[in-house]
């Protein structure tokens, strides 16, 4: 039972890291003139592939994935997203007089548009969840063929064979990329069940070494290209994948007891990551209107303000019956 608690806490920590990575990605773009701002901007590139990898890991962790489970998961996710679209539509109408159609905003998010452009992530997630029962059956029936397929996909990504899709189609349709990391997460869960990997300290040491070396190489590539390439253009590179998996393995082996002082704050933030993801961009835009985010100090202040406001907003929603379902 204690092991299960440790693993849950470690996954909560990784979820929080991915959520904060999204915040850094969106907020630090206004502070690229500072070295720290640029480092945080490109360093946050693990966030979205990390979310999909974590989702795949959690899917593989369940004993059974049924079609009914997938349908209910998709239904709940889209209901929550539409609830946030309706909330921000009402908010902007009452406080700014701007009129939005929540249905239009809902579907605009599929193409990274509207007041909730980050919604593309949820549509892609729902698409993968739709196929998760079949992926689950595949990995349980033949892990070897599943792992070989994942390796082939990773190899093709590393060779940049899908660049014509990544560079020309909006991120909501990068299914080749996110499917690969989703399946990679499922494979990692299966591999983590091997006894020789579960308790050996050398796994943590190797993960730390690979994380450091691949991270340095990633930084080297960023410095060489400057700002000519966006962070998402490094997705799929062999050093990027090693960096991401190494980070996950390091976090995965974090162990905290239920009495640890950080356990409750971690669970609180982890519980609110969905709300932070749904609320951070509109809040960041509102802050930017009042205080243009351009310098490192202002960006950091806005970043911290977004986290606090999102958590307060989420906890408030939990106490209101009409809004409870969107968090």
C-alpha atoms as a PDB file:
ATOM      1  CA  UNK A   1       0.000   0.000   0.000  1.00  0.00           C
ATOM      2  CA  UNK A   2       2.843   2.375   0.811  1.00  0.00           C
ATOM      3  CA  UNK A   3       4.401   1.750  -2.592  1.00  0.00           C
ATOM      4  CA  UNK A   4       1.142   2.667  -4.271  1.00  0.00           C
ATOM      5  CA  UNK A   5       1.049   5.976  -2.351  1.00  0.00           C
ATOM      6  CA  UNK A   6       4.622   6.756  -3.376  1.00  0.00           C
ATOM      7  CA  UNK A   7       3.907   6.080  -7.036  1.00  0.00           C
ATOM      8  CA  UNK A   8       0.736   8.209  -6.938  1.00  0.00           C
ATOM      9  CA  UNK A   9       2.609  11.118  -5.398  1.00  0.00           C
ATOM     10  CA  UNK A  10       5.355  10.844  -7.999  1.00  0.00           C
ATOM     11  CA  UNK A  11       2.809  10.962 -10.828  1.00  0.00           C
ATOM     12  CA  UNK A  12       1.151  13.945  -9.155  1.00  0.00           C
ATOM     13  CA  UNK A  13       4.515  15.702  -9.099  1.00  0.00           C
ATOM     14  CA  UNK A  14       5.088  14.982 -12.778  1.00  0.00           C
ATOM     15  CA  UNK A  15       1.585  16.265 -13.603  1.00  0.00           C
ATOM     16  CA  UNK A  16       2.353  19.476 -11.695  1.00  0.00           C
ATOM     17  CA  UNK A  17       5.660  19.872 -13.526  1.00  0.00           C
ATOM     18  CA  UNK A  18       3.883  19.527 -16.870  1.00  0.00           C
ATOM     19  CA  UNK A  19       1.251  22.060 -15.809  1.00  0.00           C
ATOM     20  CA  UNK A  20       3.900  24.551 -14.688  1.00  0.00           C
ATOM     21  CA  UNK A  21       5.716  23.878 -17.932  1.00  0.00           C
ATOM     22  CA  UNK A  22       2.642  25.068 -19.839  1.00  0.00           C
ATOM     23  CA  UNK A  23       2.574  28.229 -17.724  1.00  0.00           C
ATOM     24  CA  UNK A  24       6.257  28.871 -18.410  1.00  0.00           C
ATOM     25  CA  UNK A  25       5.790  28.206 -22.111  1.00  0.00           C
ATOM     26  CA  UNK A  26       2.993  30.767 -22.391  1.00  0.00           C
ATOM     27  CA  UNK A  27       4.302  33.388 -19.998  1.00  0.00           C
ATOM     28  CA  UNK A  28       8.058  33.365 -20.554  1.00  0.00           C
ATOM     29  CA  UNK A  29       7.708  34.093 -24.273  1.00  0.00           C
ATOM     30  CA  UNK A  30       7.506  37.734 -23.170  1.00  0.00           C
ATOM     31  CA  UNK A  31      10.857  37.543 -21.392  1.00  0.00           C
ATOM     32  CA  UNK A  32      13.118  36.051 -24.055  1.00  0.00           C
ATOM     33  CA  UNK A  33      15.504  38.978 -23.794  1.00  0.00           C
ATOM     34  CA  UNK A  34      16.644  37.541 -20.454  1.00  0.00           C
ATOM     35  CA  UNK A  35      18.748  34.388 -20.369  1.00  0.00           C
ATOM     36  CA  UNK A  36      16.673  32.928 -17.557  1.00  0.00           C
ATOM     37  CA  UNK A  37      13.444  33.682 -19.422  1.00  0.00           C
ATOM     38  CA  UNK A  38      14.751  31.984 -22.549  1.00  0.00           C
ATOM     39  CA  UNK A  39      15.939  28.983 -20.525  1.00  0.00           C
ATOM     40  CA  UNK A  40      12.519  28.614 -18.890  1.00  0.00           C
ATOM     41  CA  UNK A  41      10.767  29.046 -22.231  1.00  0.00           C
ATOM     42  CA  UNK A  42      12.680  26.301 -24.002  1.00  0.00           C
ATOM     43  CA  UNK A  43      13.087  24.239 -20.851  1.00  0.00           C
ATOM     44  CA  UNK A  44       9.293  24.028 -20.537  1.00  0.00           C
ATOM     45  CA  UNK A  45       9.092  22.136 -23.825  1.00  0.00           C
ATOM     46  CA  UNK A  46       8.599  18.865 -21.951  1.00  0.00           C
ATOM     47  CA  UNK A  47       5.075  19.937 -20.923  1.00  0.00           C
ATOM     48  CA  UNK A  48       2.662  18.780 -23.653  1.00  0.00           C
ATOM     49  CA  UNK A  49       4.431  15.557 -24.733  1.00  0.00           C
ATOM     50  CA  UNK A  50       4.865  14.924 -21.003  1.00  0.00           C
ATOM     51  CA  UNK A  51       1.112  15.230 -20.466  1.00  0.00           C
ATOM     52  CA  UNK A  52       0.415  12.708 -23.212  1.00  0.00           C
ATOM     53  CA  UNK A  53       3.088  10.339 -21.960  1.00  0.00           C
ATOM     54  CA  UNK A  54       1.638  10.552 -18.454  1.00  0.00           C
ATOM     55  CA  UNK A  55      -1.857   9.925 -19.831  1.00  0.00           C
ATOM     56  CA  UNK A  56      -0.639   6.794 -21.586  1.00  0.00           C
ATOM     57  CA  UNK A  57       1.078   5.645 -18.405  1.00  0.00           C
ATOM     58  CA  UNK A  58      -2.144   6.093 -16.404  1.00  0.00           C
ATOM     59  CA  UNK A  59      -4.181   4.245 -19.045  1.00  0.00           C
ATOM     60  CA  UNK A  60      -1.790   1.297 -18.930  1.00  0.00           C
ATOM     61  CA  UNK A  61      -1.928   1.392 -15.130  1.00  0.00           C
ATOM     62  CA  UNK A  62      -5.626   0.489 -15.108  1.00  0.00           C
ATOM     63  CA  UNK A  63      -6.412  -3.206 -15.036  1.00  0.00           C
ATOM     64  CA  UNK A  64      -9.211  -2.911 -17.595  1.00  0.00           C
ATOM     65  CA  UNK A  65     -10.076  -0.180 -20.099  1.00  0.00           C
ATOM     66  CA  UNK A  66     -13.545  -0.647 -21.547  1.00  0.00           C
ATOM     67  CA  UNK A  67     -15.255   1.195 -24.367  1.00  0.00           C
ATOM     68  CA  UNK A  68     -17.776   2.495 -21.814  1.00  0.00           C
ATOM     69  CA  UNK A  69     -14.955   3.894 -19.680  1.00  0.00           C
ATOM     70  CA  UNK A  70     -13.458   5.667 -22.705  1.00  0.00           C
ATOM     71  CA  UNK A  71     -16.833   7.102 -23.710  1.00  0.00           C
ATOM     72  CA  UNK A  72     -17.515   8.401 -20.192  1.00  0.00           C
ATOM     73  CA  UNK A  73     -14.008   9.871 -19.961  1.00  0.00           C
ATOM     74  CA  UNK A  74     -14.459  11.709 -23.259  1.00  0.00           C
ATOM     75  CA  UNK A  75     -17.930  12.914 -22.280  1.00  0.00           C
ATOM     76  CA  UNK A  76     -16.736  14.225 -18.902  1.00  0.00           C
ATOM     77  CA  UNK A  77     -13.682  15.944 -20.405  1.00  0.00           C
ATOM     78  CA  UNK A  78     -15.654  17.740 -23.116  1.00  0.00           C
ATOM     79  CA  UNK A  79     -18.369  18.735 -20.637  1.00  0.00           C
ATOM     80  CA  UNK A  80     -15.747  20.320 -18.418  1.00  0.00           C
ATOM     81  CA  UNK A  81     -14.182  22.116 -21.341  1.00  0.00           C
ATOM     82  CA  UNK A  82     -17.521  23.485 -22.549  1.00  0.00           C
ATOM     83  CA  UNK A  83     -18.210  24.616 -18.976  1.00  0.00           C
ATOM     84  CA  UNK A  84     -14.983  26.631 -19.011  1.00  0.00           C
ATOM     85  CA  UNK A  85     -15.873  28.091 -22.417  1.00  0.00           C
ATOM     86  CA  UNK A  86     -19.263  29.173 -21.051  1.00  0.00           C
ATOM     87  CA  UNK A  87     -17.641  30.595 -17.898  1.00  0.00           C
ATOM     88  CA  UNK A  88     -15.133  32.741 -19.788  1.00  0.00           C
ATOM     89  CA  UNK A  89     -17.832  33.808 -22.241  1.00  0.00           C
ATOM     90  CA  UNK A  90     -19.928  35.128 -19.344  1.00  0.00           C
ATOM     91  CA  UNK A  91     -16.883  36.613 -17.619  1.00  0.00           C
ATOM     92  CA  UNK A  92     -15.754  38.628 -20.625  1.00  0.00           C
ATOM     93  CA  UNK A  93     -19.308  39.785 -21.310  1.00  0.00           C
ATOM     94  CA  UNK A  94     -19.943  41.107 -17.792  1.00  0.00           C
ATOM     95  CA  UNK A  95     -16.498  42.610 -17.192  1.00  0.00           C
ATOM     96  CA  UNK A  96     -15.498  43.769 -20.684  1.00  0.00           C
ATOM     97  CA  UNK A  97     -18.719  43.847 -22.681  1.00  0.00           C
ATOM     98  CA  UNK A  98     -17.259  41.465 -25.255  1.00  0.00           C
ATOM     99  CA  UNK A  99     -19.732  39.008 -26.746  1.00  0.00           C
ATOM    100  CA  UNK A 100     -18.589  35.462 -27.465  1.00  0.00           C
ATOM    101  CA  UNK A 101     -20.527  32.412 -28.564  1.00  0.00           C
ATOM    102  CA  UNK A 102     -19.546  29.495 -26.270  1.00  0.00           C
ATOM    103  CA  UNK A 103     -20.357  26.948 -28.981  1.00  0.00           C
ATOM    104  CA  UNK A 104     -18.141  28.791 -31.474  1.00  0.00           C
ATOM    105  CA  UNK A 105     -15.346  29.023 -28.895  1.00  0.00           C
ATOM    106  CA  UNK A 106     -15.727  25.326 -28.139  1.00  0.00           C
ATOM    107  CA  UNK A 107     -15.181  24.255 -31.742  1.00  0.00           C
ATOM    108  CA  UNK A 108     -12.601  26.988 -32.473  1.00  0.00           C
ATOM    109  CA  UNK A 109     -10.361  25.403 -29.855  1.00  0.00           C
ATOM    110  CA  UNK A 110      -9.943  22.376 -32.101  1.00  0.00           C
ATOM    111  CA  UNK A 111      -7.833  24.583 -34.393  1.00  0.00           C
ATOM    112  CA  UNK A 112      -6.069  26.442 -31.537  1.00  0.00           C
ATOM    113  CA  UNK A 113      -8.369  29.451 -31.872  1.00  0.00           C
ATOM    114  CA  UNK A 114     -10.862  31.422 -29.802  1.00  0.00           C
ATOM    115  CA  UNK A 115     -10.550  32.532 -26.200  1.00  0.00           C
ATOM    116  CA  UNK A 116      -9.507  29.002 -25.168  1.00  0.00           C
ATOM    117  CA  UNK A 117      -6.887  28.018 -27.784  1.00  0.00           C
ATOM    118  CA  UNK A 118      -5.348  25.499 -25.384  1.00  0.00           C
ATOM    119  CA  UNK A 119      -8.452  23.344 -25.838  1.00  0.00           C
ATOM    120  CA  UNK A 120      -6.820  21.567 -28.795  1.00  0.00           C
ATOM    121  CA  UNK A 121      -4.994  19.476 -26.198  1.00  0.00           C
ATOM    122  CA  UNK A 122      -8.264  18.075 -24.850  1.00  0.00           C
ATOM    123  CA  UNK A 123      -9.630  17.181 -28.274  1.00  0.00           C
ATOM    124  CA  UNK A 124      -6.417  15.336 -29.105  1.00  0.00           C
ATOM    125  CA  UNK A 125      -6.517  13.664 -25.693  1.00  0.00           C
ATOM    126  CA  UNK A 126     -10.118  12.544 -26.261  1.00  0.00           C
ATOM    127  CA  UNK A 127      -9.181  11.113 -29.636  1.00  0.00           C
ATOM    128  CA  UNK A 128      -6.454   9.000 -28.040  1.00  0.00           C
ATOM    129  CA  UNK A 129      -8.713   7.940 -25.172  1.00  0.00           C
ATOM    130  CA  UNK A 130     -11.213   6.732 -27.783  1.00  0.00           C
ATOM    131  CA  UNK A 131      -8.618   4.234 -29.011  1.00  0.00           C
ATOM    132  CA  UNK A 132      -7.187   3.468 -25.558  1.00  0.00           C
ATOM    133  CA  UNK A 133      -9.236   0.241 -25.023  1.00  0.00           C
ATOM    134  CA  UNK A 134      -7.759  -1.199 -28.217  1.00  0.00           C
ATOM    135  CA  UNK A 135      -4.236  -0.050 -27.344  1.00  0.00           C
ATOM    136  CA  UNK A 136      -4.667  -1.591 -23.901  1.00  0.00           C
ATOM    137  CA  UNK A 137      -5.703  -4.918 -25.402  1.00  0.00           C
ATOM    138  CA  UNK A 138      -2.769  -4.780 -27.779  1.00  0.00           C
ATOM    139  CA  UNK A 139      -0.145  -4.158 -25.108  1.00  0.00           C
ATOM    140  CA  UNK A 140      -1.585  -6.877 -22.877  1.00  0.00           C
ATOM    141  CA  UNK A 141      -1.750  -9.398 -25.697  1.00  0.00           C
ATOM    142  CA  UNK A 142       1.657  -8.730 -27.242  1.00  0.00           C
ATOM    143  CA  UNK A 143       3.930  -6.290 -25.447  1.00  0.00           C
ATOM    144  CA  UNK A 144       6.795  -7.144 -27.806  1.00  0.00           C
ATOM    145  CA  UNK A 145       4.953  -6.039 -30.963  1.00  0.00           C
ATOM    146  CA  UNK A 146       3.637  -2.973 -29.130  1.00  0.00           C
ATOM    147  CA  UNK A 147       7.146  -1.996 -28.010  1.00  0.00           C
ATOM    148  CA  UNK A 148       8.537  -2.551 -31.508  1.00  0.00           C
ATOM    149  CA  UNK A 149       5.852  -0.255 -32.938  1.00  0.00           C
ATOM    150  CA  UNK A 150       6.715   2.435 -30.370  1.00  0.00           C
ATOM    151  CA  UNK A 151      10.408   2.155 -31.264  1.00  0.00           C
ATOM    152  CA  UNK A 152       9.638   2.473 -34.978  1.00  0.00           C
ATOM    153  CA  UNK A 153       7.515   5.575 -34.371  1.00  0.00           C
ATOM    154  CA  UNK A 154      10.221   7.132 -32.195  1.00  0.00           C
ATOM    155  CA  UNK A 155      12.829   6.321 -34.844  1.00  0.00           C
ATOM    156  CA  UNK A 156      10.735   8.003 -37.565  1.00  0.00           C
ATOM    157  CA  UNK A 157      10.226  11.052 -35.356  1.00  0.00           C
ATOM    158  CA  UNK A 158      13.944  11.270 -34.661  1.00  0.00           C
ATOM    159  CA  UNK A 159      14.631  11.154 -38.410  1.00  0.00           C
ATOM    160  CA  UNK A 160      12.154  14.047 -38.856  1.00  0.00           C
ATOM    161  CA  UNK A 161      10.025  12.025 -41.279  1.00  0.00           C
ATOM    162  CA  UNK A 162       6.877  13.747 -40.019  1.00  0.00           C
ATOM    163  CA  UNK A 163       8.163  17.316 -40.180  1.00  0.00           C
ATOM    164  CA  UNK A 164       5.959  18.110 -43.168  1.00  0.00           C
ATOM    165  CA  UNK A 165       2.941  17.466 -40.915  1.00  0.00           C
ATOM    166  CA  UNK A 166       4.274  19.148 -37.787  1.00  0.00           C
ATOM    167  CA  UNK A 167       5.228  22.339 -39.624  1.00  0.00           C
ATOM    168  CA  UNK A 168       2.135  22.687 -41.789  1.00  0.00           C
ATOM    169  CA  UNK A 169      -0.790  21.496 -39.657  1.00  0.00           C
ATOM    170  CA  UNK A 170      -2.055  23.008 -36.388  1.00  0.00           C
ATOM    171  CA  UNK A 171      -0.993  21.247 -33.239  1.00  0.00           C
ATOM    172  CA  UNK A 172      -4.460  19.817 -32.662  1.00  0.00           C
ATOM    173  CA  UNK A 173      -3.721  17.412 -35.516  1.00  0.00           C
ATOM    174  CA  UNK A 174      -0.235  16.295 -34.542  1.00  0.00           C
ATOM    175  CA  UNK A 175      -1.619  12.852 -33.801  1.00  0.00           C
ATOM    176  CA  UNK A 176       1.496  11.084 -35.051  1.00  0.00           C
ATOM    177  CA  UNK A 177       3.522  12.931 -32.412  1.00  0.00           C
ATOM    178  CA  UNK A 178       1.206  12.679 -29.427  1.00  0.00           C
ATOM    179  CA  UNK A 179       0.120   9.139 -30.242  1.00  0.00           C
ATOM    180  CA  UNK A 180       3.777   8.138 -30.111  1.00  0.00           C
ATOM    181  CA  UNK A 181       4.322   9.678 -26.667  1.00  0.00           C
ATOM    182  CA  UNK A 182       0.978   8.302 -25.450  1.00  0.00           C
ATOM    183  CA  UNK A 183       2.044   4.797 -26.478  1.00  0.00           C
ATOM    184  CA  UNK A 184       5.505   5.411 -25.030  1.00  0.00           C
ATOM    185  CA  UNK A 185       3.866   6.162 -21.682  1.00  0.00           C
ATOM    186  CA  UNK A 186       1.959   2.895 -21.872  1.00  0.00           C
ATOM    187  CA  UNK A 187       5.163   1.022 -22.634  1.00  0.00           C
ATOM    188  CA  UNK A 188       6.965   2.713 -19.727  1.00  0.00           C
ATOM    189  CA  UNK A 189       4.264   1.543 -17.345  1.00  0.00           C
ATOM    190  CA  UNK A 190       4.694  -2.021 -18.549  1.00  0.00           C
ATOM    191  CA  UNK A 191       8.465  -1.785 -18.263  1.00  0.00           C
ATOM    192  CA  UNK A 192       8.293  -0.223 -14.775  1.00  0.00           C
ATOM    193  CA  UNK A 193       6.525  -3.375 -13.564  1.00  0.00           C
ATOM    194  CA  UNK A 194       9.711  -5.378 -14.139  1.00  0.00           C
ATOM    195  CA  UNK A 195      11.176  -6.143 -10.733  1.00  0.00           C
ATOM    196  CA  UNK A 196      14.768  -5.424 -11.714  1.00  0.00           C
ATOM    197  CA  UNK A 197      13.747  -1.816 -12.527  1.00  0.00           C
ATOM    198  CA  UNK A 198      11.503  -1.061  -9.583  1.00  0.00           C
ATOM    199  CA  UNK A 199      13.940  -0.721  -6.686  1.00  0.00           C
ATOM    200  CA  UNK A 200      17.430  -0.444  -8.152  1.00  0.00           C
ATOM    201  CA  UNK A 201      19.171   2.826  -7.346  1.00  0.00           C
ATOM    202  CA  UNK A 202      21.225   2.636 -10.515  1.00  0.00           C
ATOM    203  CA  UNK A 203      18.068   3.369 -12.524  1.00  0.00           C
ATOM    204  CA  UNK A 204      17.828   6.753 -10.817  1.00  0.00           C
ATOM    205  CA  UNK A 205      21.539   7.381 -11.342  1.00  0.00           C
ATOM    206  CA  UNK A 206      21.342   6.481 -15.035  1.00  0.00           C
ATOM    207  CA  UNK A 207      18.228   8.623 -15.461  1.00  0.00           C
ATOM    208  CA  UNK A 208      20.019  11.591 -13.885  1.00  0.00           C
ATOM    209  CA  UNK A 209      23.030  11.127 -16.177  1.00  0.00           C
ATOM    210  CA  UNK A 210      20.914  10.810 -19.317  1.00  0.00           C
ATOM    211  CA  UNK A 211      18.787  13.767 -18.256  1.00  0.00           C
ATOM    212  CA  UNK A 212      21.852  15.944 -17.762  1.00  0.00           C
ATOM    213  CA  UNK A 213      23.607  14.919 -20.987  1.00  0.00           C
ATOM    214  CA  UNK A 214      20.531  15.094 -23.211  1.00  0.00           C
ATOM    215  CA  UNK A 215      19.505  18.377 -21.574  1.00  0.00           C
ATOM    216  CA  UNK A 216      22.914  19.881 -22.286  1.00  0.00           C
ATOM    217  CA  UNK A 217      22.753  18.713 -25.887  1.00  0.00           C
ATOM    218  CA  UNK A 218      19.237  20.148 -26.214  1.00  0.00           C
ATOM    219  CA  UNK A 219      20.495  23.466 -24.819  1.00  0.00           C
ATOM    220  CA  UNK A 220      23.382  23.339 -27.295  1.00  0.00           C
ATOM    221  CA  UNK A 221      20.948  22.910 -30.201  1.00  0.00           C
ATOM    222  CA  UNK A 222      18.800  25.797 -28.938  1.00  0.00           C
ATOM    223  CA  UNK A 223      21.830  28.071 -28.678  1.00  0.00           C
ATOM    224  CA  UNK A 224      22.917  27.152 -32.198  1.00  0.00           C
ATOM    225  CA  UNK A 225      19.512  27.922 -33.723  1.00  0.00           C
ATOM    226  CA  UNK A 226      18.752  30.859 -31.443  1.00  0.00           C
ATOM    227  CA  UNK A 227      15.080  31.773 -31.767  1.00  0.00           C
ATOM    228  CA  UNK A 228      14.758  30.458 -35.286  1.00  0.00           C
ATOM    229  CA  UNK A 229      13.030  27.347 -33.966  1.00  0.00           C
ATOM    230  CA  UNK A 230      10.101  27.242 -31.569  1.00  0.00           C
ATOM    231  CA  UNK A 231      10.235  24.789 -28.631  1.00  0.00           C
ATOM    232  CA  UNK A 232       7.667  22.474 -30.224  1.00  0.00           C
ATOM    233  CA  UNK A 233       9.942  22.053 -33.243  1.00  0.00           C
ATOM    234  CA  UNK A 234      12.302  20.012 -31.082  1.00  0.00           C
ATOM    235  CA  UNK A 235       9.599  17.472 -30.245  1.00  0.00           C
ATOM    236  CA  UNK A 236      10.513  14.012 -31.457  1.00  0.00           C
ATOM    237  CA  UNK A 237      14.261  14.621 -31.645  1.00  0.00           C
ATOM    238  CA  UNK A 238      16.233  11.739 -30.162  1.00  0.00           C
ATOM    239  CA  UNK A 239      17.839  13.940 -27.487  1.00  0.00           C
ATOM    240  CA  UNK A 240      14.470  15.495 -26.651  1.00  0.00           C
ATOM    241  CA  UNK A 241      12.851  12.076 -26.132  1.00  0.00           C
ATOM    242  CA  UNK A 242      15.747  10.894 -23.945  1.00  0.00           C
ATOM    243  CA  UNK A 243      15.493  14.122 -21.954  1.00  0.00           C
ATOM    244  CA  UNK A 244      11.735  13.701 -21.458  1.00  0.00           C
ATOM    245  CA  UNK A 245      11.870  10.018 -20.502  1.00  0.00           C
ATOM    246  CA  UNK A 246      14.798  10.633 -18.136  1.00  0.00           C
ATOM    247  CA  UNK A 247      12.863  13.404 -16.404  1.00  0.00           C
ATOM    248  CA  UNK A 248       9.854  11.132 -16.024  1.00  0.00           C
ATOM    249  CA  UNK A 249      11.974   8.311 -14.603  1.00  0.00           C
ATOM    250  CA  UNK A 250      13.609  10.647 -12.105  1.00  0.00           C
ATOM    251  CA  UNK A 251      10.266  11.944 -10.879  1.00  0.00           C
ATOM    252  CA  UNK A 252       8.715   8.476 -10.951  1.00  0.00           C
ATOM    253  CA  UNK A 253      11.187   7.254  -8.339  1.00  0.00           C
ATOM    254  CA  UNK A 254      10.443  10.078  -5.886  1.00  0.00           C
ATOM    255  CA  UNK A 255       9.069   8.645  -2.678  1.00  0.00           C
ATOM    256  CA  UNK A 256       7.132  10.655  -0.098  1.00  0.00           C
ATOM    257  CA  UNK A 257       5.232   9.257   2.854  1.00  0.00           C
ATOM    258  CA  UNK A 258       1.631  10.310   3.480  1.00  0.00           C
ATOM    259  CA  UNK A 259       2.844  12.284   6.536  1.00  0.00           C
ATOM    260  CA  UNK A 260       5.422  14.285   4.598  1.00  0.00           C
ATOM    261  CA  UNK A 261       4.972  18.059   4.803  1.00  0.00           C
ATOM    262  CA  UNK A 262       4.830  18.395   1.002  1.00  0.00           C
ATOM    263  CA  UNK A 263       2.229  15.681   0.425  1.00  0.00           C
ATOM    264  CA  UNK A 264      -0.853  17.846   1.022  1.00  0.00           C
ATOM    265  CA  UNK A 265       0.337  20.827  -1.095  1.00  0.00           C
ATOM    266  CA  UNK A 266       1.265  18.439  -3.912  1.00  0.00           C
ATOM    267  CA  UNK A 267      -2.159  16.809  -3.848  1.00  0.00           C
ATOM    268  CA  UNK A 268      -3.851  20.232  -3.701  1.00  0.00           C
ATOM    269  CA  UNK A 269      -2.013  21.557  -6.753  1.00  0.00           C
ATOM    270  CA  UNK A 270      -2.318  18.254  -8.616  1.00  0.00           C
ATOM    271  CA  UNK A 271      -6.068  18.267  -8.033  1.00  0.00           C
ATOM    272  CA  UNK A 272      -6.259  21.704  -9.611  1.00  0.00           C
ATOM    273  CA  UNK A 273      -3.992  21.190 -12.629  1.00  0.00           C
ATOM    274  CA  UNK A 274      -6.961  20.865 -15.002  1.00  0.00           C
ATOM    275  CA  UNK A 275      -8.367  24.186 -13.783  1.00  0.00           C
ATOM    276  CA  UNK A 276      -4.955  25.841 -14.025  1.00  0.00           C
ATOM    277  CA  UNK A 277      -4.662  24.614 -17.593  1.00  0.00           C
ATOM    278  CA  UNK A 278      -8.149  25.869 -18.493  1.00  0.00           C
ATOM    279  CA  UNK A 279      -7.886  29.213 -16.726  1.00  0.00           C
ATOM    280  CA  UNK A 280      -4.283  30.312 -17.024  1.00  0.00           C
ATOM    281  CA  UNK A 281      -4.306  31.769 -20.551  1.00  0.00           C
ATOM    282  CA  UNK A 282      -7.363  34.061 -20.165  1.00  0.00           C
ATOM    283  CA  UNK A 283      -6.042  35.223 -16.776  1.00  0.00           C
ATOM    284  CA  UNK A 284      -2.587  35.800 -18.228  1.00  0.00           C
ATOM    285  CA  UNK A 285      -4.136  37.862 -21.021  1.00  0.00           C
ATOM    286  CA  UNK A 286      -6.090  39.965 -18.532  1.00  0.00           C
ATOM    287  CA  UNK A 287      -2.939  40.571 -16.492  1.00  0.00           C
ATOM    288  CA  UNK A 288      -1.013  41.463 -19.652  1.00  0.00           C
ATOM    289  CA  UNK A 289      -3.627  44.074 -20.609  1.00  0.00           C
ATOM    290  CA  UNK A 290      -3.157  45.862 -17.302  1.00  0.00           C
ATOM    291  CA  UNK A 291       0.560  45.182 -17.056  1.00  0.00           C
ATOM    292  CA  UNK A 292       2.261  44.358 -20.370  1.00  0.00           C
ATOM    293  CA  UNK A 293       4.406  41.273 -19.856  1.00  0.00           C
ATOM    294  CA  UNK A 294       7.769  42.054 -21.361  1.00  0.00           C
ATOM    295  CA  UNK A 295      10.387  41.966 -18.639  1.00  0.00           C
ATOM    296  CA  UNK A 296      11.540  39.011 -16.556  1.00  0.00           C
ATOM    297  CA  UNK A 297      10.236  40.453 -13.273  1.00  0.00           C
ATOM    298  CA  UNK A 298       6.819  41.269 -14.688  1.00  0.00           C
ATOM    299  CA  UNK A 299       6.579  37.884 -16.347  1.00  0.00           C
ATOM    300  CA  UNK A 300       7.488  36.097 -13.122  1.00  0.00           C
ATOM    301  CA  UNK A 301       4.919  38.168 -11.221  1.00  0.00           C
ATOM    302  CA  UNK A 302       2.249  37.345 -13.786  1.00  0.00           C
ATOM    303  CA  UNK A 303       3.234  33.662 -13.679  1.00  0.00           C
ATOM    304  CA  UNK A 304       2.873  33.537  -9.898  1.00  0.00           C
ATOM    305  CA  UNK A 305      -0.376  35.483 -10.026  1.00  0.00           C
ATOM    306  CA  UNK A 306      -1.860  33.043 -12.523  1.00  0.00           C
ATOM    307  CA  UNK A 307      -1.085  30.060 -10.280  1.00  0.00           C
ATOM    308  CA  UNK A 308      -2.625  31.689  -7.208  1.00  0.00           C
ATOM    309  CA  UNK A 309      -5.715  32.942  -9.029  1.00  0.00           C
ATOM    310  CA  UNK A 310      -6.292  29.607 -10.768  1.00  0.00           C
ATOM    311  CA  UNK A 311      -6.119  27.638  -7.522  1.00  0.00           C
ATOM    312  CA  UNK A 312      -8.414  30.104  -5.742  1.00  0.00           C
ATOM    313  CA  UNK A 313     -10.843  30.020  -8.664  1.00  0.00           C
ATOM    314  CA  UNK A 314     -10.793  26.229  -8.763  1.00  0.00           C
ATOM    315  CA  UNK A 315     -11.337  25.815  -5.031  1.00  0.00           C
ATOM    316  CA  UNK A 316     -14.181  28.341  -5.195  1.00  0.00           C
ATOM    317  CA  UNK A 317     -15.823  26.397  -8.025  1.00  0.00           C
ATOM    318  CA  UNK A 318     -15.739  23.242  -5.909  1.00  0.00           C
ATOM    319  CA  UNK A 319     -18.012  24.940  -3.393  1.00  0.00           C
ATOM    320  CA  UNK A 320     -20.578  26.057  -5.961  1.00  0.00           C
ATOM    321  CA  UNK A 321     -22.924  23.286  -7.227  1.00  0.00           C
ATOM    322  CA  UNK A 322     -23.365  24.871 -10.669  1.00  0.00           C
ATOM    323  CA  UNK A 323     -19.626  25.139 -11.270  1.00  0.00           C
ATOM    324  CA  UNK A 324     -18.378  22.042  -9.470  1.00  0.00           C
ATOM    325  CA  UNK A 325     -18.547  19.847 -12.571  1.00  0.00           C
ATOM    326  CA  UNK A 326     -16.073  21.930 -14.587  1.00  0.00           C
ATOM    327  CA  UNK A 327     -13.192  21.374 -12.167  1.00  0.00           C
END
